[in-house]
C-alpha cells in the first residue's frame, strides 16, 4: 500500500512523540573531542530525527558539551 494511502486510511500521525530508537532501543549519546582539529563529537547509537530532553537531561548534555569543548580547546578541566 502506498504511504499516502496509509495516511488517508489511518488519519494524521499521533501528536504523542515516540522515543527515539529502533525496536525499543533507547538513544545513547557518546561524547568525545579532538584537540588537533578542535572538534567535539556527539554521536548517537541509533538514528534519531529529534531528541526530547527533560530539563535535567538538557542541563547534563549542555554540561558535557561544555566540558568537551574546553577539552577540544586544550583546557584542563576537572572530572
Protein backbone atom coordinates (compact mmCIF):
# COMPACT_ATOMS: atom_id res chain seq x y z
CA UNK A 1 0.00 0.00 0.00
CA UNK A 2 1.48 3.43 -0.88
CA UNK A 3 2.39 5.60 2.07
CA UNK A 4 -0.12 8.30 1.12
CA UNK A 5 -2.96 5.75 1.04
CA UNK A 6 -1.98 4.53 4.50
CA UNK A 7 -2.11 8.10 5.82
CA UNK A 8 -5.55 8.68 4.35
CA UNK A 9 -6.85 5.45 5.83
CA UNK A 10 -5.40 5.83 9.34
CA UNK A 11 -5.60 9.61 9.69
CA UNK A 12 -2.91 12.08 10.77
CA UNK A 13 0.02 10.99 12.92
CA UNK A 14 -0.45 10.95 16.68
CA UNK A 15 0.63 14.15 18.48
CA UNK A 16 2.47 11.98 21.03
CA UNK A 17 6.14 11.76 20.13
CA UNK A 18 7.60 8.28 20.32
CA UNK A 19 11.03 7.97 21.95
CA UNK A 20 13.94 7.72 19.53
CA UNK A 21 15.29 4.29 18.76
CA UNK A 22 14.70 1.24 16.69
CA UNK A 23 12.64 -1.66 18.04
CA UNK A 24 12.60 -0.28 21.56
CA UNK A 25 16.27 0.73 21.74
CA UNK A 26 16.96 3.84 23.74
CA UNK A 27 19.15 6.55 22.33
CA UNK A 28 22.57 6.79 23.94
CA UNK A 29 24.94 9.70 23.37
CA UNK A 30 28.71 9.25 23.22
CA UNK A 31 30.79 12.40 23.72
CA UNK A 32 34.40 12.97 22.73
CA UNK A 33 36.86 15.58 21.49
CA UNK A 34 39.90 16.09 19.28
CA UNK A 35 42.48 18.69 20.35
CA UNK A 36 44.32 18.71 16.99
CA UNK A 37 41.33 19.79 14.93
CA UNK A 38 39.46 21.41 17.86
CA UNK A 39 36.22 19.49 17.33
CA UNK A 40 33.66 17.97 19.68
CA UNK A 41 31.96 14.64 18.97
CA UNK A 42 28.37 13.92 19.91
CA UNK A 43 27.45 10.51 18.46
CA UNK A 44 24.16 8.62 18.81
CA UNK A 45 23.84 4.83 18.91
CA UNK A 46 20.60 4.92 16.87
CA UNK A 47 19.22 7.09 14.10
CA UNK A 48 17.21 9.94 15.59
CA UNK A 49 15.46 12.75 13.78
CA UNK A 50 14.76 14.57 17.04
CA UNK A 51 15.61 14.22 20.70
CA UNK A 52 13.47 15.37 23.58
CA UNK A 53 15.12 16.01 26.94
CA UNK A 54 13.79 16.73 30.39
CA UNK A 55 15.23 19.95 31.86
CA UNK A 56 17.75 17.92 33.93
CA UNK A 57 18.81 15.85 30.91
CA UNK A 58 19.23 19.02 28.83
CA UNK A 59 21.44 20.55 31.53
CA UNK A 60 23.51 17.34 31.67
CA UNK A 61 24.03 17.32 27.89
CA UNK A 62 24.90 21.03 27.91
CA UNK A 63 27.45 20.48 30.71
CA UNK A 64 29.03 17.58 28.82
CA UNK A 65 29.24 19.62 25.61
CA UNK A 66 30.88 22.49 27.53
CA UNK A 67 33.35 20.07 29.13
CA UNK A 68 34.33 18.52 25.78
CA UNK A 69 34.53 21.94 24.11
CA UNK A 70 37.03 23.02 26.77
CA UNK A 71 38.96 19.77 26.25
CA UNK A 72 39.00 20.33 22.48
CA UNK A 73 40.41 23.82 23.12
CA UNK A 74 43.19 22.19 25.16
CA UNK A 75 41.93 23.49 28.50
CA UNK A 76 42.37 21.24 31.52
CA UNK A 77 39.04 20.58 33.23
CA UNK A 78 38.04 18.92 36.44
CA UNK A 79 36.47 15.47 36.38
